[in-house]
C-alpha cells in the first residue's frame, strides 16, 4: 500500500511523518505506539503512556473549545 502525502500522512514542524486519522481507520486497529491521530482511544498503548496520552488529548480539546 502506497501512502499519499496529505491524505494518509503529513510532516509536522519538526519534520516527523504523522499518520492521519483516515490512515488509522483504514488500517483498522490501534498499533500501540501512541500515534497523534489515533481514533481508537490508544487501546493498545501500554500504561502509563496510555493515561498520559489520554490526559493530553482531553487537555487539548478543552484548550481548543471557546469559553462559554
C-alpha atoms as a PDB file:
ATOM      1  CA  UNK A   1       0.000   0.000   0.000  1.00  0.00           C
ATOM      2  CA  UNK A   2       1.418   3.361  -1.011  1.00  0.00           C
ATOM      3  CA  UNK A   3       0.917   6.262   1.355  1.00  0.00           C
ATOM      4  CA  UNK A   4      -0.374   9.537  -0.062  1.00  0.00           C
ATOM      5  CA  UNK A   5       1.009  12.725   1.470  1.00  0.00           C
ATOM      6  CA  UNK A   6      -1.790  14.998   2.659  1.00  0.00           C
ATOM      7  CA  UNK A   7      -4.249  12.101   2.815  1.00  0.00           C
ATOM      8  CA  UNK A   8      -2.508   9.342   4.764  1.00  0.00           C
ATOM      9  CA  UNK A   9       0.216  11.422   6.395  1.00  0.00           C
ATOM     10  CA  UNK A  10       1.832  14.839   6.694  1.00  0.00           C
ATOM     11  CA  UNK A  11       5.099  16.200   8.076  1.00  0.00           C
ATOM     12  CA  UNK A  12       4.944  18.257  11.268  1.00  0.00           C
ATOM     13  CA  UNK A  13       7.104  21.310  12.013  1.00  0.00           C
ATOM     14  CA  UNK A  14       9.848  19.100  13.466  1.00  0.00           C
ATOM     15  CA  UNK A  15       9.935  17.060  10.242  1.00  0.00           C
ATOM     16  CA  UNK A  16       8.267  13.967  11.678  1.00  0.00           C
ATOM     17  CA  UNK A  17       5.905  11.974   9.484  1.00  0.00           C
ATOM     18  CA  UNK A  18       2.468  11.965  11.162  1.00  0.00           C
ATOM     19  CA  UNK A  19      -0.147   9.406  10.127  1.00  0.00           C
ATOM     20  CA  UNK A  20      -3.692  10.753   9.771  1.00  0.00           C
ATOM     21  CA  UNK A  21      -6.889   9.502  11.393  1.00  0.00           C
ATOM     22  CA  UNK A  22      -8.035   8.359   7.938  1.00  0.00           C
ATOM     23  CA  UNK A  23      -4.963   6.140   7.618  1.00  0.00           C
ATOM     24  CA  UNK A  24      -5.552   4.606  11.054  1.00  0.00           C
ATOM     25  CA  UNK A  25      -9.234   3.941  10.340  1.00  0.00           C
ATOM     26  CA  UNK A  26      -8.315   2.169   7.109  1.00  0.00           C
ATOM     27  CA  UNK A  27      -5.693   0.117   8.990  1.00  0.00           C
ATOM     28  CA  UNK A  28      -8.450  -0.925  11.376  1.00  0.00           C
ATOM     29  CA  UNK A  29      -6.718  -1.141  14.765  1.00  0.00           C
ATOM     30  CA  UNK A  30      -4.537   0.671  17.293  1.00  0.00           C
ATOM     31  CA  UNK A  31      -0.866  -0.215  16.756  1.00  0.00           C
ATOM     32  CA  UNK A  32       0.051   0.657  20.355  1.00  0.00           C
ATOM     33  CA  UNK A  33       2.635   3.345  19.578  1.00  0.00           C
ATOM     34  CA  UNK A  34       0.561   6.305  20.778  1.00  0.00           C
ATOM     35  CA  UNK A  35       0.010   7.927  17.400  1.00  0.00           C
ATOM     36  CA  UNK A  36      -1.113  11.565  17.425  1.00  0.00           C
ATOM     37  CA  UNK A  37      -4.351  10.923  15.500  1.00  0.00           C
ATOM     38  CA  UNK A  38      -5.292   7.503  16.921  1.00  0.00           C
ATOM     39  CA  UNK A  39      -9.083   7.087  16.583  1.00  0.00           C
ATOM     40  CA  UNK A  40      -9.057   4.048  18.894  1.00  0.00           C
ATOM     41  CA  UNK A  41      -8.505   5.872  22.229  1.00  0.00           C
ATOM     42  CA  UNK A  42      -4.982   4.365  22.432  1.00  0.00           C
ATOM     43  CA  UNK A  43      -6.488   0.971  23.338  1.00  0.00           C
ATOM     44  CA  UNK A  44      -3.268  -0.998  22.687  1.00  0.00           C
ATOM     45  CA  UNK A  45      -0.840   1.522  24.220  1.00  0.00           C
ATOM     46  CA  UNK A  46       0.653   0.197  27.466  1.00  0.00           C
ATOM     47  CA  UNK A  47       0.302   2.078  30.748  1.00  0.00           C
ATOM     48  CA  UNK A  48       1.411   4.576  31.949  1.00  0.00           C
ATOM     49  CA  UNK A  49       1.822   6.038  28.451  1.00  0.00           C
ATOM     50  CA  UNK A  50      -1.861   5.419  27.627  1.00  0.00           C
ATOM     51  CA  UNK A  51      -3.099   7.510  30.567  1.00  0.00           C
ATOM     52  CA  UNK A  52      -0.674  10.331  29.753  1.00  0.00           C
ATOM     53  CA  UNK A  53      -1.783  10.422  26.105  1.00  0.00           C
ATOM     54  CA  UNK A  54      -5.452  10.392  27.106  1.00  0.00           C
ATOM     55  CA  UNK A  55      -4.889  13.296  29.521  1.00  0.00           C
ATOM     56  CA  UNK A  56      -3.070  15.260  26.798  1.00  0.00           C
ATOM     57  CA  UNK A  57      -5.918  14.662  24.345  1.00  0.00           C
ATOM     58  CA  UNK A  58      -8.543  15.840  26.840  1.00  0.00           C
ATOM     59  CA  UNK A  59      -6.482  18.944  27.698  1.00  0.00           C
ATOM     60  CA  UNK A  60      -6.047  19.864  24.030  1.00  0.00           C
ATOM     61  CA  UNK A  61      -9.805  19.545  23.438  1.00  0.00           C
ATOM     62  CA  UNK A  62     -10.525  21.771  26.449  1.00  0.00           C
ATOM     63  CA  UNK A  63      -7.970  24.352  25.268  1.00  0.00           C
ATOM     64  CA  UNK A  64      -9.441  24.366  21.751  1.00  0.00           C
ATOM     65  CA  UNK A  65     -13.015  24.901  22.971  1.00  0.00           C
ATOM     66  CA  UNK A  66     -14.242  28.502  23.185  1.00  0.00           C
ATOM     67  CA  UNK A  67     -15.095  29.833  26.619  1.00  0.00           C
ATOM     68  CA  UNK A  68     -18.871  29.949  27.325  1.00  0.00           C
END
